[in-house]
Amino acid sequence: MDEVSRQPNLLRAISKDVWRNKQHFLLLVAAVVSAFCVVWTTHHTRMFVEQRESLMMSRDALNVEWRHLLIEQNALAEHSRVESIAKKRLDMHRPKIEEQVVITN
């Protein structure tokens, strides 16, 4: 029974001691909060840097693919290739001078 009656006195003594040294207690709380903020900020900064690196790698891969597509487009649009396909597949030819018609206003 003596142990049980000491606990409220102990809590009362702790609260009085904290109240007397409230500046030290507030500094302790501020230091702990600051430490948690530093940990949280560092964690999020690392996550954002990792995400940025991933996005930059994706961007670089898309740029390489875009360059390959431009090269392919230029190769497919070459005049000699288009003319060759038109002759072979569509049996087209350049019109002769007598087949040409000139329209004037």
PDB file of N, CA and C in Angstrom:
ATOM      1  N   MET A   1       0.815  -1.180   0.000  1.00  0.00           N
ATOM      2  CA  MET A   1       0.000   0.000   0.000  1.00  0.00           C
ATOM      3  C   MET A   1       0.866   1.254   0.000  1.00  0.00           C
ATOM      4  N   ASP A   2       2.021   1.144   0.618  1.00  0.00           N
ATOM      5  CA  ASP A   2       2.931   2.284   0.690  1.00  0.00           C
ATOM      6  C   ASP A   2       3.454   2.652  -0.707  1.00  0.00           C
ATOM      7  N   GLU A   3       3.663   1.633  -1.577  1.00  0.00           N
ATOM      8  CA  GLU A   3       4.130   1.858  -2.939  1.00  0.00           C
ATOM      9  C   GLU A   3       3.082   2.613  -3.755  1.00  0.00           C
ATOM     10  N   VAL A   4       1.840   2.264  -3.591  1.00  0.00           N
ATOM     11  CA  VAL A   4       0.766   2.888  -4.347  1.00  0.00           C
ATOM     12  C   VAL A   4       0.608   4.347  -3.943  1.00  0.00           C
ATOM     13  N   SER A   5       0.754   4.660  -2.709  1.00  0.00           N
ATOM     14  CA  SER A   5       0.587   6.041  -2.263  1.00  0.00           C
ATOM     15  C   SER A   5       1.771   6.911  -2.666  1.00  0.00           C
ATOM     16  N   ARG A   6       2.921   6.309  -2.966  1.00  0.00           N
ATOM     17  CA  ARG A   6       4.091   7.091  -3.379  1.00  0.00           C
ATOM     18  C   ARG A   6       3.998   7.545  -4.838  1.00  0.00           C
ATOM     19  N   GLN A   7       3.305   6.795  -5.695  1.00  0.00           N
ATOM     20  CA  GLN A   7       3.242   7.136  -7.107  1.00  0.00           C
ATOM     21  C   GLN A   7       2.620   8.503  -7.351  1.00  0.00           C
ATOM     22  N   PRO A   8       1.499   8.849  -6.783  1.00  0.00           N
ATOM     23  CA  PRO A   8       0.973  10.200  -7.016  1.00  0.00           C
ATOM     24  C   PRO A   8       1.936  11.270  -6.510  1.00  0.00           C
ATOM     25  N   ASN A   9       2.603  10.994  -5.387  1.00  0.00           N
ATOM     26  CA  ASN A   9       3.573  11.964  -4.894  1.00  0.00           C
ATOM     27  C   ASN A   9       4.751  12.072  -5.857  1.00  0.00           C
ATOM     28  N   LEU A  10       5.156  10.949  -6.446  1.00  0.00           N
ATOM     29  CA  LEU A  10       6.257  10.951  -7.396  1.00  0.00           C
ATOM     30  C   LEU A  10       5.870  11.733  -8.650  1.00  0.00           C
ATOM     31  N   LEU A  11       4.666  11.493  -9.152  1.00  0.00           N
ATOM     32  CA  LEU A  11       4.196  12.232 -10.328  1.00  0.00           C
ATOM     33  C   LEU A  11       4.080  13.716 -10.018  1.00  0.00           C
ATOM     34  N   ARG A  12       3.606  14.033  -8.819  1.00  0.00           N
ATOM     35  CA  ARG A  12       3.494  15.431  -8.410  1.00  0.00           C
ATOM     36  C   ARG A  12       4.893  16.064  -8.328  1.00  0.00           C
ATOM     37  N   ALA A  13       5.866  15.320  -7.809  1.00  0.00           N
ATOM     38  CA  ALA A  13       7.228  15.837  -7.686  1.00  0.00           C
ATOM     39  C   ALA A  13       7.852  16.050  -9.061  1.00  0.00           C
ATOM     40  N   ILE A  14       7.588  15.104  -9.989  1.00  0.00           N
ATOM     41  CA  ILE A  14       8.120  15.244 -11.349  1.00  0.00           C
ATOM     42  C   ILE A  14       7.499  16.448 -12.035  1.00  0.00           C
ATOM     43  N   SER A  15       6.201  16.610 -11.905  1.00  0.00           N
ATOM     44  CA  SER A  15       5.540  17.742 -12.557  1.00  0.00           C
ATOM     45  C   SER A  15       6.012  19.071 -11.961  1.00  0.00           C
ATOM     46  N   LYS A  16       6.228  19.119 -10.652  1.00  0.00           N
ATOM     47  CA  LYS A  16       6.756  20.350 -10.033  1.00  0.00           C
ATOM     48  C   LYS A  16       8.165  20.639 -10.533  1.00  0.00           C
ATOM     49  N   ASP A  17       8.983  19.583 -10.661  1.00  0.00           N
ATOM     50  CA  ASP A  17      10.355  19.765 -11.129  1.00  0.00           C
ATOM     51  C   ASP A  17      10.370  20.244 -12.582  1.00  0.00           C
ATOM     52  N   VAL A  18       9.496  19.660 -13.408  1.00  0.00           N
ATOM     53  CA  VAL A  18       9.399  20.089 -14.808  1.00  0.00           C
ATOM     54  C   VAL A  18       8.923  21.535 -14.873  1.00  0.00           C
ATOM     55  N   TRP A  19       7.961  21.906 -14.035  1.00  0.00           N
ATOM     56  CA  TRP A  19       7.445  23.273 -14.042  1.00  0.00           C
ATOM     57  C   TRP A  19       8.518  24.275 -13.614  1.00  0.00           C
ATOM     58  N   ARG A  20       9.339  23.869 -12.637  1.00  0.00           N
ATOM     59  CA  ARG A  20      10.417  24.761 -12.194  1.00  0.00           C
ATOM     60  C   ARG A  20      11.484  24.928 -13.275  1.00  0.00           C
ATOM     61  N   ASN A  21      11.722  23.880 -14.027  1.00  0.00           N
ATOM     62  CA  ASN A  21      12.747  23.926 -15.079  1.00  0.00           C
ATOM     63  C   ASN A  21      12.091  23.894 -16.461  1.00  0.00           C
ATOM     64  N   LYS A  22      11.035  24.682 -16.600  1.00  0.00           N
ATOM     65  CA  LYS A  22      10.263  24.637 -17.847  1.00  0.00           C
ATOM     66  C   LYS A  22      11.075  25.085 -19.055  1.00  0.00           C
ATOM     67  N   GLN A  23      12.034  25.995 -18.852  1.00  0.00           N
ATOM     68  CA  GLN A  23      12.860  26.420 -19.989  1.00  0.00           C
ATOM     69  C   GLN A  23      13.702  25.259 -20.499  1.00  0.00           C
ATOM     70  N   HIS A  24      14.291  24.508 -19.586  1.00  0.00           N
ATOM     71  CA  HIS A  24      15.081  23.353 -20.000  1.00  0.00           C
ATOM     72  C   HIS A  24      14.202  22.297 -20.663  1.00  0.00           C
ATOM     73  N   PHE A  25      13.025  22.091 -20.112  1.00  0.00           N
ATOM     74  CA  PHE A  25      12.101  21.121 -20.679  1.00  0.00           C
ATOM     75  C   PHE A  25      11.654  21.540 -22.087  1.00  0.00           C
ATOM     76  N   LEU A  26      11.358  22.827 -22.260  1.00  0.00           N
ATOM     77  CA  LEU A  26      10.963  23.316 -23.582  1.00  0.00           C
ATOM     78  C   LEU A  26      12.107  23.190 -24.577  1.00  0.00           C
ATOM     79  N   LEU A  27      13.328  23.446 -24.133  1.00  0.00           N
ATOM     80  CA  LEU A  27      14.479  23.272 -25.016  1.00  0.00           C
ATOM     81  C   LEU A  27      14.653  21.800 -25.401  1.00  0.00           C
ATOM     82  N   LEU A  28      14.435  20.909 -24.442  1.00  0.00           N
ATOM     83  CA  LEU A  28      14.518  19.479 -24.738  1.00  0.00           C
ATOM     84  C   LEU A  28      13.459  19.077 -25.766  1.00  0.00           C
ATOM     85  N   VAL A  29      12.236  19.541 -25.566  1.00  0.00           N
ATOM     86  CA  VAL A  29      11.152  19.232 -26.514  1.00  0.00           C
ATOM     87  C   VAL A  29      11.475  19.814 -27.885  1.00  0.00           C
ATOM     88  N   ALA A  30      11.976  21.043 -27.911  1.00  0.00           N
ATOM     89  CA  ALA A  30      12.332  21.671 -29.187  1.00  0.00           C
ATOM     90  C   ALA A  30      13.443  20.893 -29.889  1.00  0.00           C
ATOM     91  N   ALA A  31      14.429  20.417 -29.136  1.00  0.00           N
ATOM     92  CA  ALA A  31      15.524  19.646 -29.732  1.00  0.00           C
ATOM     93  C   ALA A  31      15.010  18.327 -30.301  1.00  0.00           C
ATOM     94  N   VAL A  32      14.121  17.661 -29.594  1.00  0.00           N
ATOM     95  CA  VAL A  32      13.570  16.393 -30.078  1.00  0.00           C
ATOM     96  C   VAL A  32      12.722  16.621 -31.324  1.00  0.00           C
ATOM     97  N   VAL A  33      11.895  17.659 -31.309  1.00  0.00           N
ATOM     98  CA  VAL A  33      11.072  17.977 -32.488  1.00  0.00           C
ATOM     99  C   VAL A  33      11.968  18.330 -33.664  1.00  0.00           C
ATOM    100  N   SER A  34      13.001  19.107 -33.419  1.00  0.00           N
ATOM    101  CA  SER A  34      13.940  19.471 -34.476  1.00  0.00           C
ATOM    102  C   SER A  34      14.627  18.233 -35.049  1.00  0.00           C
ATOM    103  N   ALA A  35      15.013  17.303 -34.188  1.00  0.00           N
ATOM    104  CA  ALA A  35      15.657  16.079 -34.666  1.00  0.00           C
ATOM    105  C   ALA A  35      14.705  15.274 -35.544  1.00  0.00           C
ATOM    106  N   PHE A  36      13.449  15.161 -35.138  1.00  0.00           N
ATOM    107  CA  PHE A  36      12.476  14.448 -35.974  1.00  0.00           C
ATOM    108  C   PHE A  36      12.268  15.153 -37.304  1.00  0.00           C
ATOM    109  N   CYS A  37      12.251  16.473 -37.282  1.00  0.00           N
ATOM    110  CA  CYS A  37      12.095  17.230 -38.536  1.00  0.00           C
ATOM    111  C   CYS A  37      13.283  16.999 -39.464  1.00  0.00           C
ATOM    112  N   VAL A  38      14.485  16.943 -38.910  1.00  0.00           N
ATOM    113  CA  VAL A  38      15.671  16.688 -39.723  1.00  0.00           C
ATOM    114  C   VAL A  38      15.589  15.297 -40.345  1.00  0.00           C
ATOM    115  N   VAL A  39      15.194  14.314 -39.567  1.00  0.00           N
ATOM    116  CA  VAL A  39      15.072  12.944 -40.087  1.00  0.00           C
ATOM    117  C   VAL A  39      14.017  12.889 -41.179  1.00  0.00           C
ATOM    118  N   TRP A  40      12.874  13.519 -40.944  1.00  0.00           N
ATOM    119  CA  TRP A  40      11.780  13.517 -41.929  1.00  0.00           C
ATOM    120  C   TRP A  40      12.222  14.212 -43.220  1.00  0.00           C
ATOM    121  N   THR A  41      12.872  15.363 -43.085  1.00  0.00           N
ATOM    122  CA  THR A  41      13.321  16.118 -44.260  1.00  0.00           C
ATOM    123  C   THR A  41      14.367  15.334 -45.041  1.00  0.00           C
ATOM    124  N   THR A  42      15.309  14.719 -44.339  1.00  0.00           N
ATOM    125  CA  THR A  42      16.342  13.933 -45.011  1.00  0.00           C
ATOM    126  C   THR A  42      15.725  12.753 -45.762  1.00  0.00           C
ATOM    127  N   HIS A  43      14.781  12.089 -45.146  1.00  0.00           N
ATOM    128  CA  HIS A  43      14.110  10.952 -45.786  1.00  0.00           C
ATOM    129  C   HIS A  43      13.406  11.391 -47.067  1.00  0.00           C
ATOM    130  N   HIS A  44      12.635  12.465 -46.978  1.00  0.00           N
ATOM    131  CA  HIS A  44      11.898  12.930 -48.154  1.00  0.00           C
ATOM    132  C   HIS A  44      12.842  13.455 -49.231  1.00  0.00           C
ATOM    133  N   THR A  45      13.916  14.101 -48.835  1.00  0.00           N
ATOM    134  CA  THR A  45      14.883  14.584 -49.817  1.00  0.00           C
ATOM    135  C   THR A  45      15.492  13.420 -50.578  1.00  0.00           C
ATOM    136  N   ARG A  46      15.848  12.367 -49.878  1.00  0.00           N
ATOM    137  CA  ARG A  46      16.409  11.188 -50.544  1.00  0.00           C
ATOM    138  C   ARG A  46      15.395  10.543 -51.475  1.00  0.00           C
ATOM    139  N   MET A  47      14.144  10.484 -51.044  1.00  0.00           N
ATOM    140  CA  MET A  47      13.108   9.924 -51.913  1.00  0.00           C
ATOM    141  C   MET A  47      12.944  10.758 -53.177  1.00  0.00           C
ATOM    142  N   PHE A  48      12.942  12.089 -53.032  1.00  0.00           N
ATOM    143  CA  PHE A  48      12.766  12.964 -54.188  1.00  0.00           C
ATOM    144  C   PHE A  48      13.966  12.899 -55.130  1.00  0.00           C
ATOM    145  N   VAL A  49      15.172  12.790 -54.578  1.00  0.00           N
ATOM    146  CA  VAL A  49      16.360  12.666 -55.427  1.00  0.00           C
ATOM    147  C   VAL A  49      16.313  11.359 -56.209  1.00  0.00           C
ATOM    148  N   GLU A  50      15.906  10.284 -55.564  1.00  0.00           N
ATOM    149  CA  GLU A  50      15.785   8.992 -56.252  1.00  0.00           C
ATOM    150  C   GLU A  50      14.726   9.057 -57.346  1.00  0.00           C
ATOM    151  N   GLN A  51      13.609   9.701 -57.041  1.00  0.00           N
ATOM    152  CA  GLN A  51      12.543   9.839 -58.039  1.00  0.00           C
ATOM    153  C   GLN A  51      13.016  10.689 -59.214  1.00  0.00           C
ATOM    154  N   ARG A  52      13.752  11.756 -58.922  1.00  0.00           N
ATOM    155  CA  ARG A  52      14.277  12.629 -59.981  1.00  0.00           C
ATOM    156  C   ARG A  52      15.235  11.860 -60.879  1.00  0.00           C
ATOM    157  N   GLU A  53      16.127  11.062 -60.285  1.00  0.00           N
ATOM    158  CA  GLU A  53      17.064  10.263 -61.075  1.00  0.00           C
ATOM    159  C   GLU A  53      16.321   9.283 -61.967  1.00  0.00           C
ATOM    160  N   SER A  54      15.283   8.672 -61.427  1.00  0.00           N
ATOM    161  CA  SER A  54      14.489   7.727 -62.213  1.00  0.00           C
ATOM    162  C   SER A  54      13.810   8.437 -63.385  1.00  0.00           C
ATOM    163  N   LEU A  55      13.262   9.605 -63.132  1.00  0.00           N
ATOM    164  CA  LEU A  55      12.600  10.360 -64.200  1.00  0.00           C
ATOM    165  C   LEU A  55      13.600  10.828 -65.258  1.00  0.00           C
ATOM    166  N   MET A  56      14.796  11.206 -64.829  1.00  0.00           N
ATOM    167  CA  MET A  56      15.813  11.623 -65.793  1.00  0.00           C
ATOM    168  C   MET A  56      16.265  10.455 -66.661  1.00  0.00           C
ATOM    169  N   MET A  57      16.363   9.259 -66.074  1.00  0.00           N
ATOM    170  CA  MET A  57      16.718   8.085 -66.869  1.00  0.00           C
ATOM    171  C   MET A  57      15.616   7.763 -67.875  1.00  0.00           C
ATOM    172  N   SER A  58      14.359   7.904 -67.464  1.00  0.00           N
ATOM    173  CA  SER A  58      13.236   7.687 -68.383  1.00  0.00           C
ATOM    174  C   SER A  58      13.265   8.709 -69.509  1.00  0.00           C
ATOM    175  N   ARG A  59      13.564   9.961 -69.155  1.00  0.00           N
ATOM    176  CA  ARG A  59      13.649  11.017 -70.167  1.00  0.00           C
ATOM    177  C   ARG A  59      14.742  10.713 -71.170  1.00  0.00           C
ATOM    178  N   ASP A  60      15.901  10.276 -70.687  1.00  0.00           N
ATOM    179  CA  ASP A  60      17.002   9.950 -71.589  1.00  0.00           C
ATOM    180  C   ASP A  60      16.630   8.792 -72.514  1.00  0.00           C
ATOM    181  N   ALA A  61      15.962   7.780 -71.977  1.00  0.00           N
ATOM    182  CA  ALA A  61      15.539   6.646 -72.805  1.00  0.00           C
ATOM    183  C   ALA A  61      14.536   7.101 -73.870  1.00  0.00           C
ATOM    184  N   LEU A  62      13.619   7.990 -73.489  1.00  0.00           N
ATOM    185  CA  LEU A  62      12.651   8.501 -74.464  1.00  0.00           C
ATOM    186  C   LEU A  62      13.334   9.359 -75.530  1.00  0.00           C
ATOM    187  N   ASN A  63      14.350  10.130 -75.140  1.00  0.00           N
ATOM    188  CA  ASN A  63      15.092  10.922 -76.124  1.00  0.00           C
ATOM    189  C   ASN A  63      15.810  10.030 -77.129  1.00  0.00           C
ATOM    190  N   VAL A  64      16.401   8.937 -76.661  1.00  0.00           N
ATOM    191  CA  VAL A  64      17.074   8.004 -77.564  1.00  0.00           C
ATOM    192  C   VAL A  64      16.061   7.381 -78.528  1.00  0.00           C
ATOM    193  N   GLU A  65      14.911   6.972 -77.987  1.00  0.00           N
ATOM    194  CA  GLU A  65      13.872   6.392 -78.843  1.00  0.00           C
ATOM    195  C   GLU A  65      13.382   7.412 -79.871  1.00  0.00           C
ATOM    196  N   TRP A  66      13.219   8.666 -79.460  1.00  0.00           N
ATOM    197  CA  TRP A  66      12.764   9.730 -80.363  1.00  0.00           C
ATOM    198  C   TRP A  66      13.769   9.930 -81.498  1.00  0.00           C
ATOM    199  N   ARG A  67      15.076   9.934 -81.168  1.00  0.00           N
ATOM    200  CA  ARG A  67      16.095  10.093 -82.212  1.00  0.00           C
ATOM    201  C   ARG A  67      16.054   8.927 -83.198  1.00  0.00           C
ATOM    202  N   HIS A  68      15.868   7.708 -82.685  1.00  0.00           N
ATOM    203  CA  HIS A  68      15.779   6.560 -83.587  1.00  0.00           C
ATOM    204  C   HIS A  68      14.555   6.661 -84.497  1.00  0.00           C
ATOM    205  N   LEU A  69      13.454   7.135 -83.937  1.00  0.00           N
ATOM    206  CA  LEU A  69      12.245   7.288 -84.754  1.00  0.00           C
ATOM    207  C   LEU A  69      12.427   8.363 -85.825  1.00  0.00           C
ATOM    208  N   LEU A  70      13.121   9.450 -85.489  1.00  0.00           N
ATOM    209  CA  LEU A  70      13.384  10.484 -86.495  1.00  0.00           C
ATOM    210  C   LEU A  70      14.271   9.951 -87.617  1.00  0.00           C
ATOM    211  N   ILE A  71      15.280   9.177 -87.257  1.00  0.00           N
ATOM    212  CA  ILE A  71      16.150   8.587 -88.277  1.00  0.00           C
ATOM    213  C   ILE A  71      15.358   7.640 -89.164  1.00  0.00           C
ATOM    214  N   GLU A  72      14.493   6.834 -88.539  1.00  0.00           N
ATOM    215  CA  GLU A  72      13.664   5.911 -89.311  1.00  0.00           C
ATOM    216  C   GLU A  72      12.704   6.661 -90.226  1.00  0.00           C
ATOM    217  N   GLN A  73      12.114   7.739 -89.718  1.00  0.00           N
ATOM    218  CA  GLN A  73      11.193   8.538 -90.532  1.00  0.00           C
ATOM    219  C   GLN A  73      11.916   9.146 -91.732  1.00  0.00           C
ATOM    220  N   ASN A  74      13.110   9.668 -91.503  1.00  0.00           N
ATOM    221  CA  ASN A  74      13.872  10.259 -92.606  1.00  0.00           C
ATOM    222  C   ASN A  74      14.249   9.198 -93.635  1.00  0.00           C
ATOM    223  N   ALA A  75      14.593   8.009 -93.162  1.00  0.00           N
ATOM    224  CA  ALA A  75      14.945   6.935 -94.098  1.00  0.00           C
ATOM    225  C   ALA A  75      13.737   6.510 -94.920  1.00  0.00           C
ATOM    226  N   LEU A  76      12.574   6.421 -94.274  1.00  0.00           N
ATOM    227  CA  LEU A  76      11.369   6.000 -95.002  1.00  0.00           C
ATOM    228  C   LEU A  76      10.853   7.075 -95.948  1.00  0.00           C
ATOM    229  N   ALA A  77      11.166   8.320 -95.702  1.00  0.00           N
ATOM    230  CA  ALA A  77      10.637   9.411 -96.522  1.00  0.00           C
ATOM    231  C   ALA A  77      11.599   9.851 -97.617  1.00  0.00           C
ATOM    232  N   GLU A  78      12.706   9.170 -97.810  1.00  0.00           N
ATOM    233  CA  GLU A  78      13.646   9.550 -98.860  1.00  0.00           C
ATOM    234  C   GLU A  78      12.973   9.446-100.228  1.00  0.00           C
ATOM    235  N   HIS A  79      13.287  10.415-101.084  1.00  0.00           N
ATOM    236  CA  HIS A  79      12.646  10.490-102.397  1.00  0.00           C
ATOM    237  C   HIS A  79      12.935   9.241-103.225  1.00  0.00           C
ATOM    238  N   SER A  80      14.162   8.770-103.210  1.00  0.00           N
ATOM    239  CA  SER A  80      14.506   7.607-104.031  1.00  0.00           C
ATOM    240  C   SER A  80      13.748   6.364-103.570  1.00  0.00           C
ATOM    241  N   ARG A  81      13.543   6.211-102.298  1.00  0.00           N
ATOM    242  CA  ARG A  81      12.801   5.047-101.777  1.00  0.00           C
ATOM    243  C   ARG A  81      11.336   5.139-102.190  1.00  0.00           C
ATOM    244  N   VAL A  82      10.751   6.330-102.032  1.00  0.00           N
ATOM    245  CA  VAL A  82       9.345   6.510-102.406  1.00  0.00           C
ATOM    246  C   VAL A  82       9.160   6.267-103.900  1.00  0.00           C
ATOM    247  N   GLU A  83      10.094   6.765-104.683  1.00  0.00           N
ATOM    248  CA  GLU A  83      10.004   6.573-106.128  1.00  0.00           C
ATOM    249  C   GLU A  83      10.152   5.095-106.503  1.00  0.00           C
ATOM    250  N   SER A  84      11.042   4.402-105.840  1.00  0.00           N
ATOM    251  CA  SER A  84      11.247   2.978-106.107  1.00  0.00           C
ATOM    252  C   SER A  84      10.001   2.167-105.760  1.00  0.00           C
ATOM    253  N   ILE A  85       9.395   2.449-104.623  1.00  0.00           N
ATOM    254  CA  ILE A  85       8.177   1.727-104.228  1.00  0.00           C
ATOM    255  C   ILE A  85       7.035   2.049-105.190  1.00  0.00           C
ATOM    256  N   ALA A  86       6.937   3.308-105.608  1.00  0.00           N
ATOM    257  CA  ALA A  86       5.874   3.686-106.545  1.00  0.00           C
ATOM    258  C   ALA A  86       6.029   2.940-107.869  1.00  0.00           C
ATOM    259  N   LYS A  87       7.250   2.753-108.350  1.00  0.00           N
ATOM    260  CA  LYS A  87       7.459   2.032-109.609  1.00  0.00           C
ATOM    261  C   LYS A  87       7.163   0.546-109.458  1.00  0.00           C
ATOM    262  N   LYS A  88       7.664  -0.052-108.378  1.00  0.00           N
ATOM    263  CA  LYS A  88       7.543  -1.511-108.227  1.00  0.00           C
ATOM    264  C   LYS A  88       6.147  -1.943-107.816  1.00  0.00           C
ATOM    265  N   ARG A  89       5.608  -1.348-106.776  1.00  0.00           N
ATOM    266  CA  ARG A  89       4.329  -1.828-106.233  1.00  0.00           C
ATOM    267  C   ARG A  89       3.111  -1.258-106.954  1.00  0.00           C
ATOM    268  N   LEU A  90       3.207   0.003-107.343  1.00  0.00           N
ATOM    269  CA  LEU A  90       2.035   0.659-107.927  1.00  0.00           C
ATOM    270  C   LEU A  90       2.135   0.810-109.447  1.00  0.00           C
ATOM    271  N   ASP A  91       3.233   0.357-109.991  1.00  0.00           N
ATOM    272  CA  ASP A  91       3.456   0.443-111.442  1.00  0.00           C
ATOM    273  C   ASP A  91       3.271   1.877-111.940  1.00  0.00           C
ATOM    274  N   MET A  92       3.839   2.804-111.204  1.00  0.00           N
ATOM    275  CA  MET A  92       3.755   4.217-111.588  1.00  0.00           C
ATOM    276  C   MET A  92       5.021   4.597-112.349  1.00  0.00           C
ATOM    277  N   HIS A  93       4.898   5.635-113.143  1.00  0.00           N
ATOM    278  CA  HIS A  93       6.051   6.153-113.877  1.00  0.00           C
ATOM    279  C   HIS A  93       5.891   7.657-114.044  1.00  0.00           C
ATOM    280  N   ARG A  94       7.000   8.303-114.414  1.00  0.00           N
ATOM    281  CA  ARG A  94       6.928   9.748-114.667  1.00  0.00           C
ATOM    282  C   ARG A  94       6.156   9.960-115.983  1.00  0.00           C
ATOM    283  N   PRO A  95       5.299  10.949-115.985  1.00  0.00           N
ATOM    284  CA  PRO A  95       4.559  11.185-117.236  1.00  0.00           C
ATOM    285  C   PRO A  95       5.502  11.745-118.310  1.00  0.00           C
ATOM    286  N   LYS A  96       5.213  11.337-119.528  1.00  0.00           N
ATOM    287  CA  LYS A  96       5.998  11.851-120.651  1.00  0.00           C
ATOM    288  C   LYS A  96       5.528  13.271-120.940  1.00  0.00           C
ATOM    289  N   ILE A  97       6.332  13.987-121.682  1.00  0.00           N
ATOM    290  CA  ILE A  97       6.016  15.395-121.948  1.00  0.00           C
ATOM    291  C   ILE A  97       4.682  15.526-122.675  1.00  0.00           C
ATOM    292  N   GLU A  98       4.397  14.608-123.558  1.00  0.00           N
ATOM    293  CA  GLU A  98       3.120  14.700-124.285  1.00  0.00           C
ATOM    294  C   GLU A  98       1.919  14.339-123.418  1.00  0.00           C
ATOM    295  N   GLU A  99       2.168  13.672-122.272  1.00  0.00           N
ATOM    296  CA  GLU A  99       1.073  13.327-121.360  1.00  0.00           C
ATOM    297  C   GLU A  99       0.803  14.450-120.362  1.00  0.00           C
ATOM    298  N   GLN A 100       1.702  15.406-120.267  1.00  0.00           N
ATOM    299  CA  GLN A 100       1.542  16.470-119.275  1.00  0.00           C
ATOM    300  C   GLN A 100       0.566  17.524-119.796  1.00  0.00           C
ATOM    301  N   VAL A 101      -0.221  18.052-118.832  1.00  0.00           N
ATOM    302  CA  VAL A 101      -1.182  19.099-119.174  1.00  0.00           C
ATOM    303  C   VAL A 101      -0.852  20.319-118.305  1.00  0.00           C
ATOM    304  N   VAL A 102      -0.737  21.479-118.925  1.00  0.00           N
ATOM    305  CA  VAL A 102      -0.457  22.707-118.207  1.00  0.00           C
ATOM    306  C   VAL A 102      -1.754  23.499-118.108  1.00  0.00           C
ATOM    307  N   ILE A 103      -2.078  23.898-116.881  1.00  0.00           N
ATOM    308  CA  ILE A 103      -3.309  24.661-116.643  1.00  0.00           C
ATOM    309  C   ILE A 103      -2.908  26.093-116.348  1.00  0.00           C
ATOM    310  N   THR A 104      -3.530  27.027-117.029  1.00  0.00           N
ATOM    311  CA  THR A 104      -3.265  28.435-116.771  1.00  0.00           C
ATOM    312  C   THR A 104      -4.570  29.130-116.419  1.00  0.00           C
ATOM    313  N   ASN A 105      -4.440  30.240-115.736  1.00  0.00           N
ATOM    314  CA  ASN A 105      -5.634  31.011-115.348  1.00  0.00           C
ATOM    315  C   ASN A 105      -6.096  31.882-116.434  1.00  0.00           C
TER     316      ASN A 105
END
